[in-house]
């Protein structure tokens, strides 16, 4: 039987990995074969599960193997954790992502899932796959399980602060969008982590039509367990909550939500009175202020807001005639240096020199204006 798949989404730092790890542990204690799939570029979803050891990521392993012209195998990226008092091991994968500022994390998620599907992930002898997903980004890669219906069910993790609830609302709306184009992922509900009894997340859930699945109170002992790479479910008051949720999931007691989510105006009005005033536009005069030169014409300032295309056309007009002619034939008419050389009766090297000179001048002119 195919594995059951659940995507757990939440704002970075809100406790989605804490939630996923403790749910994985609970299910494993109940005899289920569980795979925890970390889908956050920080690649720290499985850190507590594996005792603080960072797993090699799919992104890094693929890059290394590709450089050696070798294929990635299951054993390269899937790892098992045997826990002494657990009847089943827990399996872990970290998709990973690029180093900060060096690539697109969402692209890494898409590529990672492509590789896992080639390795047959949905045919493995696994009962449940829990996907730990970063939710506070708009990049389409992080919506992969929703867009491709790779997760049957979705759980949102939030707390009682506005930003984490806003993230949950975004994922709800994204899932609604994918349902309109054939998506099959269904929203089970919301988990309120670090609950302070303020009721803000519950107020949002009621307004958006989302069920509250579980409330986990802020607990310093639970935090200390997580920080020391242990399971918070070893605490009876936490363990009972996760066990109840796990049973509800396994026995299909949770009815998927037909949640509408909230638009931005509806959302912000949950948190207080919102001004009805229109935003006041800033003027060109107040922004330039005393920086305007006394002899500058209005056309000079209008040039500051002209489109890049208009600006480039103006720069091209300032080139020497031979540079301009060659540049336009290459960029506008898409002719090769050989064609241009034949038409203008120049050498190909001469055309390439003129084209190079024109591009250098344009770059300088464009950023000077």
Protein backbone atom coordinates (compact mmCIF):
# COMPACT_ATOMS: atom_id res chain seq x y z
CA UNK A 1 0.00 0.00 0.00
CA UNK A 2 1.31 3.47 -0.88
CA UNK A 3 2.61 5.64 1.93
CA UNK A 4 0.32 8.25 3.41
CA UNK A 5 1.75 11.72 2.79
CA UNK A 6 1.29 14.78 4.99
CA UNK A 7 2.89 18.20 4.43
CA UNK A 8 3.43 20.26 7.57
CA UNK A 9 3.80 23.96 6.81
CA UNK A 10 4.79 26.85 9.05
CA UNK A 11 6.70 30.08 9.30
CA UNK A 12 10.43 29.70 9.90
CA UNK A 13 11.16 29.29 13.61
CA UNK A 14 7.55 28.68 14.62
CA UNK A 15 8.10 25.04 15.57
CA UNK A 16 7.16 23.07 12.47
CA UNK A 17 10.27 20.85 12.81
CA UNK A 18 9.50 20.37 16.52
CA UNK A 19 5.96 19.36 15.56
CA UNK A 20 7.06 17.09 12.70
CA UNK A 21 9.75 15.35 14.76
CA UNK A 22 7.47 14.64 17.71
CA UNK A 23 4.69 13.43 15.42
CA UNK A 24 7.21 11.14 13.66
CA UNK A 25 8.30 9.77 17.02
CA UNK A 26 4.70 9.26 18.15
CA UNK A 27 3.81 7.35 15.00
CA UNK A 28 6.95 5.22 15.27
CA UNK A 29 6.06 4.34 18.87
CA UNK A 30 2.70 3.17 17.52
CA UNK A 31 4.54 0.74 15.22
CA UNK A 32 4.37 2.78 12.01
CA UNK A 33 7.22 3.03 9.54
CA UNK A 34 7.82 6.76 9.23
CA UNK A 35 9.94 8.85 6.86
CA UNK A 36 10.59 12.46 7.87
CA UNK A 37 11.42 14.59 4.83
CA UNK A 38 13.02 17.96 5.58
CA UNK A 39 12.04 20.49 2.90
CA UNK A 40 13.70 23.63 4.24
CA UNK A 41 17.02 25.00 2.89
CA UNK A 42 18.26 25.22 6.51
CA UNK A 43 18.23 21.38 6.42
CA UNK A 44 17.60 21.14 10.17
CA UNK A 45 14.29 19.27 10.26
CA UNK A 46 15.87 15.98 11.35
CA UNK A 47 18.52 17.44 13.67
CA UNK A 48 16.72 16.49 16.90
CA UNK A 49 15.70 13.13 15.47
CA UNK A 50 19.31 12.19 14.67
CA UNK A 51 20.83 13.45 17.91
CA UNK A 52 22.21 16.68 16.49
CA UNK A 53 23.92 15.06 13.49
CA UNK A 54 23.29 16.97 10.24
CA UNK A 55 22.31 14.61 7.43
CA UNK A 56 23.98 14.87 4.00
CA UNK A 57 21.47 16.72 1.84
CA UNK A 58 20.03 15.64 -1.49
CA UNK A 59 21.25 18.92 -3.01
CA UNK A 60 24.86 18.42 -1.89
CA UNK A 61 25.03 14.71 -2.66
CA UNK A 62 23.58 15.23 -6.13
CA UNK A 63 26.16 17.95 -6.89
CA UNK A 64 29.03 15.73 -5.72
CA UNK A 65 27.83 12.67 -7.64
CA UNK A 66 27.10 14.69 -10.76
CA UNK A 67 30.64 16.09 -10.73
CA UNK A 68 31.93 12.49 -10.80
CA UNK A 69 29.35 11.42 -13.41
CA UNK A 70 27.80 8.97 -10.94
CA UNK A 71 24.18 8.26 -10.01
CA UNK A 72 22.69 9.01 -6.59
CA UNK A 73 21.51 5.90 -4.73
CA UNK A 74 18.99 5.56 -1.91
CA UNK A 75 21.74 4.87 0.62
CA UNK A 76 23.42 8.16 -0.26
CA UNK A 77 20.51 10.28 0.93
CA UNK A 78 18.18 8.18 3.13
CA UNK A 79 19.21 7.48 6.73
CA UNK A 80 17.67 5.48 9.56
CA UNK A 81 17.59 6.23 13.27
CA UNK A 82 17.21 3.28 15.63
CA UNK A 83 15.95 4.43 19.01
CA UNK A 84 16.36 1.91 21.87
CA UNK A 85 12.81 2.01 23.25
CA UNK A 86 11.06 2.36 19.84
CA UNK A 87 9.57 -0.64 17.99
CA UNK A 88 10.40 0.91 14.59
CA UNK A 89 13.31 2.96 13.25
CA UNK A 90 12.57 6.41 11.83
CA UNK A 91 13.93 7.31 8.40
CA UNK A 92 15.14 10.78 7.47
CA UNK A 93 15.97 12.78 4.36
CA UNK A 94 17.04 16.42 4.05
CA UNK A 95 16.50 18.03 0.65
CA UNK A 96 18.71 20.99 1.60
CA UNK A 97 19.37 23.95 -0.64
CA UNK A 98 22.02 26.41 -1.81
CA UNK A 99 24.20 28.44 0.51
CA UNK A 100 22.79 31.83 1.43
CA UNK A 101 22.69 34.16 -1.58
CA UNK A 102 23.99 31.51 -4.00
CA UNK A 103 20.89 30.07 -5.58
CA UNK A 104 17.16 29.44 -5.46
CA UNK A 105 15.94 27.28 -2.57
CA UNK A 106 12.68 26.57 -4.35
CA UNK A 107 14.49 25.23 -7.40
CA UNK A 108 16.35 22.86 -5.08
CA UNK A 109 13.05 21.57 -3.68
CA UNK A 110 11.70 20.85 -7.18
CA UNK A 111 14.91 19.09 -8.26
CA UNK A 112 15.01 17.13 -5.01
CA UNK A 113 11.49 15.79 -5.47
CA UNK A 114 12.28 14.88 -9.08
CA UNK A 115 15.21 12.78 -7.87
CA UNK A 116 13.23 11.15 -5.05
CA UNK A 117 10.47 10.18 -7.45
CA UNK A 118 13.04 8.58 -9.75
CA UNK A 119 14.28 6.60 -6.73
CA UNK A 120 10.69 5.41 -6.14
CA UNK A 121 9.97 7.21 -2.86
CA UNK A 122 6.21 6.65 -3.11
CA UNK A 123 6.74 2.92 -3.66
CA UNK A 124 8.93 2.31 -0.59
CA UNK A 125 7.67 0.17 2.31
CA UNK A 126 6.80 3.23 4.39
CA UNK A 127 3.51 3.87 6.20
CA UNK A 128 3.67 7.65 6.51
CA UNK A 129 5.84 10.38 4.95
CA UNK A 130 5.86 13.63 6.90
CA UNK A 131 7.12 16.57 4.84
CA UNK A 132 8.45 19.47 6.91
CA UNK A 133 7.99 22.56 4.72
CA UNK A 134 9.02 26.18 5.09
CA UNK A 135 5.87 28.25 4.58
CA UNK A 136 6.88 31.92 4.70
CA UNK A 137 8.03 32.21 1.10
CA UNK A 138 6.11 32.74 -2.12
CA UNK A 139 8.51 30.78 -4.37
CA UNK A 140 6.61 28.09 -6.23
CA UNK A 141 9.15 25.42 -5.34
CA UNK A 142 7.92 25.33 -1.77
CA UNK A 143 4.38 24.67 -3.02
CA UNK A 144 5.53 21.51 -4.82
CA UNK A 145 3.50 19.03 -2.70
CA UNK A 146 0.37 21.14 -3.27
CA UNK A 147 0.96 21.88 -6.95
CA UNK A 148 1.70 18.24 -7.80
CA UNK A 149 -0.61 16.65 -5.20
CA UNK A 150 2.37 14.86 -3.64
CA UNK A 151 0.86 15.37 -0.18
CA UNK A 152 -2.59 13.97 0.46
CA UNK A 153 -3.05 16.16 3.50
CA UNK A 154 -1.75 19.47 4.84
CA UNK A 155 -1.30 20.64 8.43
CA UNK A 156 -0.50 24.27 9.30
CA UNK A 157 1.62 25.17 12.34
CA UNK A 158 1.32 28.61 13.88
CA UNK A 159 1.38 30.43 17.19
CA UNK A 160 -0.65 33.41 18.35
CA UNK A 161 1.45 36.05 16.58
CA UNK A 162 0.25 37.82 13.46
CA UNK A 163 3.16 36.91 11.18
CA UNK A 164 2.91 33.15 11.73
CA UNK A 165 -0.87 33.29 11.25
CA UNK A 166 -0.35 35.33 8.07
CA UNK A 167 1.94 32.57 6.78
CA UNK A 168 -0.68 29.93 7.58
CA UNK A 169 -3.29 31.98 5.73
CA UNK A 170 -1.02 32.20 2.66
CA UNK A 171 -0.62 28.42 2.54
CA UNK A 172 -4.38 27.98 2.92
CA UNK A 173 -4.97 30.29 -0.04
CA UNK A 174 -2.26 28.58 -2.10
CA UNK A 175 -3.88 25.21 -1.50
CA UNK A 176 -7.26 26.63 -2.50
CA UNK A 177 -5.74 27.87 -5.74
CA UNK A 178 -4.25 24.49 -6.63
CA UNK A 179 -7.60 22.81 -5.88
CA UNK A 180 -9.15 24.93 -8.66
CA UNK A 181 -6.74 23.40 -11.19
CA UNK A 182 -7.04 19.81 -10.04
CA UNK A 183 -4.94 19.71 -6.86
CA UNK A 184 -5.87 16.88 -4.49
CA UNK A 185 -4.15 18.00 -1.25
CA UNK A 186 -6.66 18.56 1.55
CA UNK A 187 -6.20 20.82 4.56
CA UNK A 188 -6.69 18.96 7.85
CA UNK A 189 -6.34 21.99 10.10
CA UNK A 190 -4.06 24.08 12.24
CA UNK A 191 -1.78 23.33 15.21
CA UNK A 192 -1.24 26.17 17.67
CA UNK A 193 2.30 25.85 19.03
CA UNK A 194 3.59 27.74 22.09
CA UNK A 195 -0.01 28.52 22.96
CA UNK A 196 -0.34 31.42 25.42
CA UNK A 197 -4.14 31.16 25.76
CA UNK A 198 -4.66 34.51 24.03
CA UNK A 199 -6.97 32.82 21.51
CA UNK A 200 -5.71 34.84 18.52
CA UNK A 201 -4.93 31.84 16.33
CA UNK A 202 -8.30 30.29 17.22
CA UNK A 203 -10.04 33.55 16.28
CA UNK A 204 -8.32 33.43 12.88
CA UNK A 205 -9.15 29.74 12.42
CA UNK A 206 -12.84 30.35 13.07
CA UNK A 207 -12.94 33.29 10.63
CA UNK A 208 -11.07 31.33 7.92
CA UNK A 209 -12.99 28.08 8.36
CA UNK A 210 -10.03 26.02 9.62
CA UNK A 211 -10.18 23.36 12.34
CA UNK A 212 -7.83 23.60 15.33
CA UNK A 213 -6.25 20.15 15.61
CA UNK A 214 -4.08 20.63 18.67
CA UNK A 215 -2.82 23.33 21.03
CA UNK A 216 0.67 22.84 22.44
CA UNK A 217 1.36 25.11 25.43
CA UNK A 218 4.68 26.87 25.82
CA UNK A 219 6.71 24.54 28.02
CA UNK A 220 10.33 25.13 29.03
CA UNK A 221 10.89 21.41 29.65
CA UNK A 222 9.68 20.63 26.11
CA UNK A 223 11.98 23.32 24.71
CA UNK A 224 14.92 21.91 26.68
CA UNK A 225 14.20 18.41 25.39
CA UNK A 226 14.19 19.68 21.82
CA UNK A 227 17.37 21.73 22.32
CA UNK A 228 19.16 18.66 23.71
CA UNK A 229 18.04 16.49 20.74
CA UNK A 230 15.41 14.52 22.59
CA UNK A 231 11.65 14.12 22.14
CA UNK A 232 9.23 16.42 23.95
CA UNK A 233 6.64 13.62 23.81
CA UNK A 234 8.54 11.95 26.66
CA UNK A 235 6.75 14.54 28.81
CA UNK A 236 3.28 13.08 29.54
CA UNK A 237 1.38 16.35 29.00
CA UNK A 238 2.96 16.76 25.54
CA UNK A 239 2.99 13.09 24.60
CA UNK A 240 -0.74 12.68 25.20
CA UNK A 241 -1.58 15.55 22.84
CA UNK A 242 0.56 14.13 20.04
CA UNK A 243 -0.79 10.60 20.58
CA UNK A 244 -4.39 11.86 20.31
CA UNK A 245 -3.54 13.71 17.08
CA UNK A 246 -1.73 10.67 15.63
CA UNK A 247 -4.71 8.39 16.34
CA UNK A 248 -7.09 10.92 14.79
CA UNK A 249 -4.93 11.00 11.65
CA UNK A 250 -4.50 7.23 11.38
CA UNK A 251 -8.17 6.50 11.95
CA UNK A 252 -9.33 9.26 9.57
CA UNK A 253 -11.28 11.03 12.28
CA UNK A 254 -10.32 14.46 10.96
CA UNK A 255 -12.62 15.87 8.33
CA UNK A 256 -10.70 18.02 5.81
CA UNK A 257 -11.49 21.72 6.01
CA UNK A 258 -13.30 23.60 3.29
CA UNK A 259 -11.35 26.65 4.40
CA UNK A 260 -11.78 29.84 2.43
CA UNK A 261 -8.87 31.69 4.03
CA UNK A 262 -8.97 35.46 4.35
CA UNK A 263 -8.01 38.25 1.97
CA UNK A 264 -5.57 40.85 3.26
CA UNK A 265 -8.20 43.35 4.40
CA UNK A 266 -10.17 40.68 6.25
CA UNK A 267 -6.97 39.39 7.83
CA UNK A 268 -5.62 42.67 9.21
CA UNK A 269 -9.03 43.58 10.64
CA UNK A 270 -8.79 40.57 12.96
CA UNK A 271 -6.07 42.38 14.87
CA UNK A 272 -7.61 45.83 15.41
CA UNK A 273 -9.08 48.90 13.80
CA UNK A 274 -7.73 49.67 10.34
CA UNK A 275 -7.61 53.21 8.95
CA UNK A 276 -9.85 53.94 5.98
CA UNK A 277 -7.57 56.73 4.75
CA UNK A 278 -5.96 56.43 1.33
CA UNK A 279 -2.13 56.44 1.28
CA UNK A 280 -0.74 59.89 0.41
CA UNK A 281 1.51 59.84 -2.70
CA UNK A 282 4.95 61.41 -2.37
CA UNK A 283 5.82 64.08 -4.95
CA UNK A 284 8.86 64.45 -7.14
CA UNK A 285 9.52 67.93 -5.70
CA UNK A 286 9.61 66.80 -2.08
CA UNK A 287 11.89 63.87 -2.83
CA UNK A 288 14.43 65.83 -4.88
CA UNK A 289 14.23 68.82 -2.55
CA UNK A 290 17.43 70.88 -2.41
CA UNK A 291 19.34 68.32 -4.48
CA UNK A 292 17.90 69.85 -7.66
CA UNK A 293 20.35 72.09 -9.47
CA UNK A 294 18.89 75.54 -10.07
CA UNK A 295 19.34 75.32 -13.86
CA UNK A 296 17.91 71.82 -14.27
CA UNK A 297 14.93 71.48 -16.56
CA UNK A 298 11.90 69.35 -15.76
CA UNK A 299 12.87 66.97 -18.56
CA UNK A 300 16.08 66.12 -16.67
CA UNK A 301 14.04 64.86 -13.71
CA UNK A 302 11.55 63.06 -15.89
CA UNK A 303 14.49 61.08 -17.30
CA UNK A 304 15.04 59.68 -13.80
CA UNK A 305 11.76 57.80 -14.02
CA UNK A 306 11.84 56.83 -17.69
CA UNK A 307 11.67 53.15 -18.49
CA UNK A 308 14.85 51.13 -18.95
CA UNK A 309 13.92 50.58 -22.58
CA UNK A 310 13.61 54.31 -23.27
CA UNK A 311 16.84 54.94 -21.43
CA UNK A 312 18.68 52.32 -23.50
CA UNK A 313 17.35 53.82 -26.76
CA UNK A 314 18.71 57.21 -25.71
CA UNK A 315 22.10 55.67 -24.91
CA UNK A 316 22.23 53.91 -28.29
CA UNK A 317 21.66 57.23 -30.05
CA UNK A 318 24.91 58.53 -28.49
CA UNK A 319 27.11 55.82 -30.04
CA UNK A 320 29.35 56.50 -33.02
CA UNK A 321 27.56 55.71 -36.28
CA UNK A 322 29.59 52.58 -37.09
CA UNK A 323 29.15 51.26 -33.53
CA UNK A 324 25.44 52.01 -33.59
CA UNK A 325 24.93 50.28 -36.95
CA UNK A 326 26.72 47.11 -35.88
CA UNK A 327 25.02 47.03 -32.48
CA UNK A 328 21.50 47.41 -33.94
CA UNK A 329 22.10 44.72 -36.54
CA UNK A 330 23.33 42.33 -33.83
CA UNK A 331 20.78 43.09 -31.09
CA UNK A 332 17.67 44.19 -32.99
CA UNK A 333 17.97 42.14 -36.16
CA UNK A 334 19.72 39.20 -34.45
CA UNK A 335 22.36 38.86 -37.15
CA UNK A 336 25.60 36.99 -36.56
CA UNK A 337 29.00 38.74 -36.77
CA UNK A 338 29.63 36.85 -40.02
CA UNK A 339 26.41 38.15 -41.61
CA UNK A 340 27.14 41.70 -40.47
CA UNK A 341 30.67 41.50 -41.84
CA UNK A 342 29.36 40.39 -45.24
CA UNK A 343 26.67 43.10 -45.39
CA UNK A 344 28.98 45.94 -44.31
CA UNK A 345 32.04 44.60 -46.11
CA UNK A 346 34.07 44.44 -42.95
CA UNK A 347 36.18 41.69 -41.44
CA UNK A 348 34.48 39.53 -38.84
CA UNK A 349 37.11 40.54 -36.29
CA UNK A 350 36.36 44.18 -37.06
CA UNK A 351 32.64 43.62 -36.46
CA UNK A 352 33.30 41.88 -33.14
CA UNK A 353 35.60 44.74 -32.06
CA UNK A 354 32.94 47.36 -32.92
CA UNK A 355 30.25 45.34 -31.14
CA UNK A 356 32.39 44.93 -28.04
CA UNK A 357 33.21 48.65 -28.00
CA UNK A 358 29.53 49.55 -28.40
CA UNK A 359 28.52 47.34 -25.48
CA UNK A 360 31.19 48.80 -23.21
CA UNK A 361 30.06 52.34 -24.04
CA UNK A 362 26.39 51.48 -23.52
CA UNK A 363 27.09 49.97 -20.12
CA UNK A 364 28.95 53.10 -19.06
CA UNK A 365 26.31 55.46 -20.49
CA UNK A 366 23.39 53.55 -18.99
CA UNK A 367 24.70 53.70 -15.45
CA UNK A 368 25.93 57.28 -15.73
CA UNK A 369 22.51 58.68 -16.67
